Amino acid sequence: MDPIFIALIVIAFFLIFLFMGTPIYAALGLAGTIGILILRGPDGLQAIPTIMYDKLRSFILVAVPLFILMGQVIFHSGMGGQLYTLGSRWMNRLPGGLCMASVFACTI
């Protein structure tokens, strides 16, 4: 089968699942499973747990909870508003100072 045709079939199944009211995560999972069945057959489903385990044990994903924790600490401590105020005071005379103040606060 043509890969473009398979992609269109998977997208069509995804949209059908969405219009049926299926949650997005389930629609993506079901459409992906259908795509694997079309491409590899039933034997392709046996590789899914191994691939998922290999992807989830990477050290890159360790940073995600830490970024979320840092965002929560900054939000609940009120430091985000203070950083934005500091950035807007430093850059209020420059063109695009509001944008630069937002970038400054988000950089921290």
N, C-alpha and C. Protein backbone atom coordinates (compact mmCIF):
# COMPACT_ATOMS: atom_id res chain seq x y z
N MET A 1 0.84 -1.20 0.00
CA MET A 1 0.00 0.00 0.00
C MET A 1 0.87 1.24 0.00
N ASP A 2 0.34 2.28 -0.56
CA ASP A 2 1.04 3.55 -0.61
C ASP A 2 1.05 4.19 0.78
N PRO A 3 2.19 4.70 1.24
CA PRO A 3 2.25 5.30 2.59
C PRO A 3 1.32 6.49 2.76
N ILE A 4 1.12 7.25 1.71
CA ILE A 4 0.21 8.40 1.80
C ILE A 4 -1.23 7.92 2.01
N PHE A 5 -1.59 6.85 1.32
CA PHE A 5 -2.94 6.30 1.47
C PHE A 5 -3.14 5.76 2.89
N ILE A 6 -2.12 5.10 3.43
CA ILE A 6 -2.21 4.60 4.81
C ILE A 6 -2.35 5.76 5.79
N ALA A 7 -1.58 6.83 5.56
CA ALA A 7 -1.69 8.01 6.44
C ALA A 7 -3.08 8.60 6.37
N LEU A 8 -3.66 8.66 5.19
CA LEU A 8 -5.03 9.19 5.06
C LEU A 8 -6.04 8.31 5.78
N ILE A 9 -5.85 7.00 5.72
CA ILE A 9 -6.74 6.08 6.43
C ILE A 9 -6.64 6.31 7.94
N VAL A 10 -5.42 6.44 8.45
CA VAL A 10 -5.22 6.64 9.89
C VAL A 10 -5.83 7.97 10.32
N ILE A 11 -5.63 9.03 9.53
CA ILE A 11 -6.21 10.34 9.86
C ILE A 11 -7.73 10.26 9.82
N ALA A 12 -8.28 9.53 8.85
CA ALA A 12 -9.73 9.39 8.77
C ALA A 12 -10.27 8.67 10.01
N PHE A 13 -9.60 7.60 10.43
CA PHE A 13 -10.03 6.91 11.65
C PHE A 13 -9.93 7.82 12.86
N PHE A 14 -8.85 8.61 12.94
CA PHE A 14 -8.69 9.55 14.05
C PHE A 14 -9.85 10.53 14.09
N LEU A 15 -10.21 11.10 12.94
CA LEU A 15 -11.32 12.06 12.91
C LEU A 15 -12.65 11.39 13.23
N ILE A 16 -12.84 10.18 12.75
CA ILE A 16 -14.07 9.45 13.06
C ILE A 16 -14.19 9.23 14.57
N PHE A 17 -13.09 8.81 15.19
CA PHE A 17 -13.11 8.60 16.64
C PHE A 17 -13.39 9.91 17.38
N LEU A 18 -12.81 11.01 16.90
CA LEU A 18 -13.05 12.30 17.55
C LEU A 18 -14.51 12.72 17.44
N PHE A 19 -15.08 12.56 16.24
CA PHE A 19 -16.48 12.96 16.06
C PHE A 19 -17.44 12.04 16.80
N MET A 20 -17.00 10.83 17.14
CA MET A 20 -17.83 9.94 17.96
C MET A 20 -17.79 10.33 19.43
N GLY A 21 -16.91 11.26 19.79
CA GLY A 21 -16.83 11.71 21.17
C GLY A 21 -15.76 10.99 21.99
N THR A 22 -14.90 10.27 21.32
CA THR A 22 -13.81 9.59 22.02
C THR A 22 -12.79 10.62 22.50
N PRO A 23 -12.25 10.49 23.70
CA PRO A 23 -11.20 11.42 24.14
C PRO A 23 -10.01 11.40 23.19
N ILE A 24 -9.29 12.51 23.14
CA ILE A 24 -8.21 12.65 22.17
C ILE A 24 -7.14 11.58 22.36
N TYR A 25 -6.78 11.29 23.62
CA TYR A 25 -5.72 10.30 23.84
C TYR A 25 -6.14 8.94 23.31
N ALA A 26 -7.40 8.58 23.50
CA ALA A 26 -7.87 7.28 23.04
C ALA A 26 -7.97 7.26 21.51
N ALA A 27 -8.42 8.37 20.92
CA ALA A 27 -8.52 8.44 19.46
C ALA A 27 -7.15 8.32 18.82
N LEU A 28 -6.16 9.00 19.39
CA LEU A 28 -4.79 8.89 18.86
C LEU A 28 -4.26 7.46 19.02
N GLY A 29 -4.50 6.87 20.17
CA GLY A 29 -4.02 5.50 20.40
C GLY A 29 -4.68 4.49 19.47
N LEU A 30 -5.99 4.61 19.31
CA LEU A 30 -6.69 3.68 18.43
C LEU A 30 -6.29 3.86 16.98
N ALA A 31 -6.19 5.11 16.54
CA ALA A 31 -5.78 5.36 15.15
C ALA A 31 -4.35 4.88 14.91
N GLY A 32 -3.47 5.09 15.87
CA GLY A 32 -2.10 4.59 15.74
C GLY A 32 -2.04 3.07 15.70
N THR A 33 -2.86 2.43 16.52
CA THR A 33 -2.91 0.97 16.52
C THR A 33 -3.41 0.45 15.18
N ILE A 34 -4.41 1.10 14.62
CA ILE A 34 -4.91 0.71 13.31
C ILE A 34 -3.82 0.89 12.25
N GLY A 35 -3.08 1.99 12.35
CA GLY A 35 -1.98 2.21 11.41
C GLY A 35 -0.91 1.14 11.52
N ILE A 36 -0.57 0.73 12.74
CA ILE A 36 0.42 -0.34 12.91
C ILE A 36 -0.10 -1.65 12.36
N LEU A 37 -1.38 -1.93 12.58
CA LEU A 37 -1.96 -3.16 12.03
C LEU A 37 -1.93 -3.16 10.51
N ILE A 38 -2.18 -2.01 9.90
CA ILE A 38 -2.15 -1.94 8.44
C ILE A 38 -0.72 -2.12 7.92
N LEU A 39 0.24 -1.46 8.57
CA LEU A 39 1.62 -1.50 8.10
C LEU A 39 2.32 -2.83 8.39
N ARG A 40 2.22 -3.31 9.63
CA ARG A 40 3.02 -4.45 10.07
C ARG A 40 2.22 -5.73 10.31
N GLY A 41 0.91 -5.60 10.40
CA GLY A 41 0.11 -6.77 10.72
C GLY A 41 0.08 -6.99 12.23
N PRO A 42 -0.48 -8.10 12.66
CA PRO A 42 -0.59 -8.36 14.10
C PRO A 42 0.77 -8.48 14.80
N ASP A 43 1.80 -8.88 14.07
CA ASP A 43 3.12 -9.01 14.70
C ASP A 43 3.70 -7.66 15.10
N GLY A 44 3.26 -6.59 14.46
CA GLY A 44 3.75 -5.26 14.80
C GLY A 44 3.31 -4.81 16.18
N LEU A 45 2.19 -5.36 16.66
CA LEU A 45 1.69 -4.97 17.99
C LEU A 45 2.58 -5.51 19.11
N GLN A 46 3.33 -6.56 18.83
CA GLN A 46 4.20 -7.13 19.86
C GLN A 46 5.40 -6.23 20.16
N ALA A 47 5.75 -5.36 19.23
CA ALA A 47 6.91 -4.47 19.44
C ALA A 47 6.55 -3.22 20.23
N ILE A 48 5.28 -2.93 20.39
CA ILE A 48 4.86 -1.68 21.05
C ILE A 48 5.37 -1.58 22.50
N PRO A 49 5.20 -2.60 23.35
CA PRO A 49 5.70 -2.45 24.73
C PRO A 49 7.20 -2.22 24.82
N THR A 50 7.96 -2.88 23.96
CA THR A 50 9.41 -2.70 23.98
C THR A 50 9.79 -1.29 23.57
N ILE A 51 9.16 -0.79 22.53
CA ILE A 51 9.45 0.57 22.06
C ILE A 51 9.05 1.59 23.12
N MET A 52 7.88 1.39 23.75
CA MET A 52 7.44 2.33 24.79
C MET A 52 8.41 2.33 25.96
N TYR A 53 8.87 1.16 26.37
CA TYR A 53 9.81 1.08 27.49
C TYR A 53 11.12 1.79 27.16
N ASP A 54 11.62 1.58 25.95
CA ASP A 54 12.87 2.23 25.55
C ASP A 54 12.73 3.74 25.52
N LYS A 55 11.61 4.25 25.07
CA LYS A 55 11.41 5.69 24.99
C LYS A 55 11.20 6.31 26.37
N LEU A 56 10.53 5.61 27.26
CA LEU A 56 10.21 6.17 28.58
C LEU A 56 11.38 6.14 29.55
N ARG A 57 12.39 5.34 29.29
CA ARG A 57 13.50 5.29 30.22
C ARG A 57 14.64 6.23 29.85
N SER A 58 14.39 7.15 28.93
CA SER A 58 15.44 8.11 28.55
C SER A 58 15.57 9.18 29.63
N PHE A 59 16.78 9.70 29.78
CA PHE A 59 17.05 10.70 30.81
C PHE A 59 16.47 12.06 30.45
N ILE A 60 16.10 12.26 29.20
CA ILE A 60 15.52 13.54 28.80
C ILE A 60 14.18 13.75 29.50
N LEU A 61 13.42 12.70 29.68
CA LEU A 61 12.11 12.82 30.30
C LEU A 61 12.18 13.11 31.80
N VAL A 62 13.34 12.96 32.41
CA VAL A 62 13.49 13.28 33.83
C VAL A 62 13.29 14.77 34.05
N ALA A 63 13.63 15.59 33.07
CA ALA A 63 13.54 17.04 33.22
C ALA A 63 12.10 17.54 33.24
N VAL A 64 11.18 16.82 32.64
CA VAL A 64 9.80 17.30 32.53
C VAL A 64 9.16 17.53 33.90
N PRO A 65 9.17 16.58 34.84
CA PRO A 65 8.58 16.86 36.15
C PRO A 65 9.28 18.00 36.89
N LEU A 66 10.58 18.14 36.67
CA LEU A 66 11.30 19.22 37.35
C LEU A 66 10.89 20.58 36.80
N PHE A 67 10.66 20.69 35.50
CA PHE A 67 10.17 21.94 34.93
C PHE A 67 8.77 22.27 35.48
N ILE A 68 7.93 21.26 35.60
CA ILE A 68 6.59 21.47 36.14
C ILE A 68 6.68 21.92 37.60
N LEU A 69 7.55 21.29 38.38
CA LEU A 69 7.73 21.68 39.77
C LEU A 69 8.23 23.12 39.87
N MET A 70 9.19 23.49 39.03
CA MET A 70 9.72 24.85 39.07
C MET A 70 8.63 25.86 38.71
N GLY A 71 7.80 25.54 37.73
CA GLY A 71 6.70 26.43 37.37
C GLY A 71 5.71 26.61 38.51
N GLN A 72 5.41 25.54 39.22
CA GLN A 72 4.49 25.63 40.35
C GLN A 72 5.08 26.46 41.48
N VAL A 73 6.37 26.29 41.75
CA VAL A 73 7.02 27.07 42.81
C VAL A 73 7.00 28.55 42.45
N ILE A 74 7.33 28.88 41.21
CA ILE A 74 7.34 30.29 40.78
C ILE A 74 5.92 30.87 40.83
N PHE A 75 4.93 30.08 40.44
CA PHE A 75 3.55 30.58 40.44
C PHE A 75 3.06 30.82 41.86
N HIS A 76 3.22 29.85 42.74
CA HIS A 76 2.68 29.97 44.09
C HIS A 76 3.46 30.94 44.98
N SER A 77 4.71 31.19 44.65
CA SER A 77 5.49 32.14 45.44
C SER A 77 5.25 33.58 45.00
N GLY A 78 4.61 33.78 43.86
CA GLY A 78 4.38 35.13 43.35
C GLY A 78 5.59 35.72 42.65
N MET A 79 6.60 34.92 42.47
CA MET A 79 7.82 35.40 41.85
C MET A 79 7.63 35.73 40.37
N GLY A 80 6.69 35.07 39.71
CA GLY A 80 6.45 35.34 38.30
C GLY A 80 5.98 36.76 38.05
N GLY A 81 5.05 37.23 38.86
CA GLY A 81 4.58 38.61 38.74
C GLY A 81 5.66 39.62 39.04
N GLN A 82 6.47 39.31 40.02
CA GLN A 82 7.57 40.22 40.36
C GLN A 82 8.61 40.27 39.25
N LEU A 83 8.89 39.14 38.62
CA LEU A 83 9.84 39.14 37.51
C LEU A 83 9.30 39.94 36.33
N TYR A 84 7.99 39.80 36.07
CA TYR A 84 7.40 40.57 34.97
C TYR A 84 7.46 42.07 35.27
N THR A 85 7.15 42.46 36.50
CA THR A 85 7.23 43.88 36.88
C THR A 85 8.65 44.40 36.73
N LEU A 86 9.63 43.62 37.17
CA LEU A 86 11.02 44.02 37.02
C LEU A 86 11.40 44.20 35.55
N GLY A 87 11.00 43.24 34.73
CA GLY A 87 11.31 43.34 33.30
C GLY A 87 10.63 44.51 32.64
N SER A 88 9.38 44.79 33.01
CA SER A 88 8.68 45.92 32.39
C SER A 88 9.27 47.25 32.84
N ARG A 89 9.77 47.33 34.05
CA ARG A 89 10.41 48.57 34.50
C ARG A 89 11.74 48.80 33.78
N TRP A 90 12.47 47.75 33.53
CA TRP A 90 13.75 47.89 32.83
C TRP A 90 13.55 48.25 31.36
N MET A 91 12.51 47.72 30.75
CA MET A 91 12.38 47.81 29.29
C MET A 91 11.19 48.63 28.84
N ASN A 92 10.58 49.44 29.70
CA ASN A 92 9.36 50.15 29.33
C ASN A 92 9.60 51.25 28.30
N ARG A 93 10.80 51.76 28.19
CA ARG A 93 11.06 52.84 27.24
C ARG A 93 11.42 52.31 25.86
N LEU A 94 11.73 51.06 25.75
CA LEU A 94 12.12 50.48 24.47
C LEU A 94 10.89 50.10 23.65
N PRO A 95 10.99 50.16 22.33
CA PRO A 95 9.89 49.65 21.51
C PRO A 95 9.74 48.14 21.73
N GLY A 96 8.53 47.71 21.95
CA GLY A 96 8.29 46.30 22.23
C GLY A 96 8.67 45.91 23.64
N GLY A 97 8.64 46.86 24.56
CA GLY A 97 9.05 46.60 25.94
C GLY A 97 8.17 45.58 26.63
N LEU A 98 6.86 45.60 26.32
CA LEU A 98 5.94 44.63 26.92
C LEU A 98 6.32 43.21 26.52
N CYS A 99 6.62 43.05 25.24
CA CYS A 99 7.03 41.73 24.75
C CYS A 99 8.33 41.28 25.39
N MET A 100 9.28 42.19 25.48
CA MET A 100 10.58 41.84 26.07
C MET A 100 10.45 41.54 27.56
N ALA A 101 9.54 42.23 28.25
CA ALA A 101 9.32 41.95 29.66
C ALA A 101 8.74 40.55 29.84
N SER A 102 7.84 40.16 28.95
CA SER A 102 7.27 38.81 29.02
C SER A 102 8.34 37.76 28.77
N VAL A 103 9.17 38.00 27.77
CA VAL A 103 10.25 37.05 27.47
C VAL A 103 11.22 36.97 28.64
N PHE A 104 11.53 38.11 29.26
CA PHE A 104 12.43 38.14 30.41
C PHE A 104 11.86 37.30 31.56
N ALA A 105 10.57 37.50 31.85
CA ALA A 105 9.95 36.76 32.96
C ALA A 105 9.90 35.27 32.66
N CYS A 106 9.65 34.91 31.41
CA CYS A 106 9.56 33.50 31.05
C CYS A 106 10.93 32.83 30.96
N THR A 107 11.96 33.62 30.74
CA THR A 107 13.31 33.06 30.65
C THR A 107 13.76 32.51 31.99
N ILE A 108 13.39 33.18 33.05
CA ILE A 108 13.79 32.73 34.37
C ILE A 108 13.01 31.48 34.69
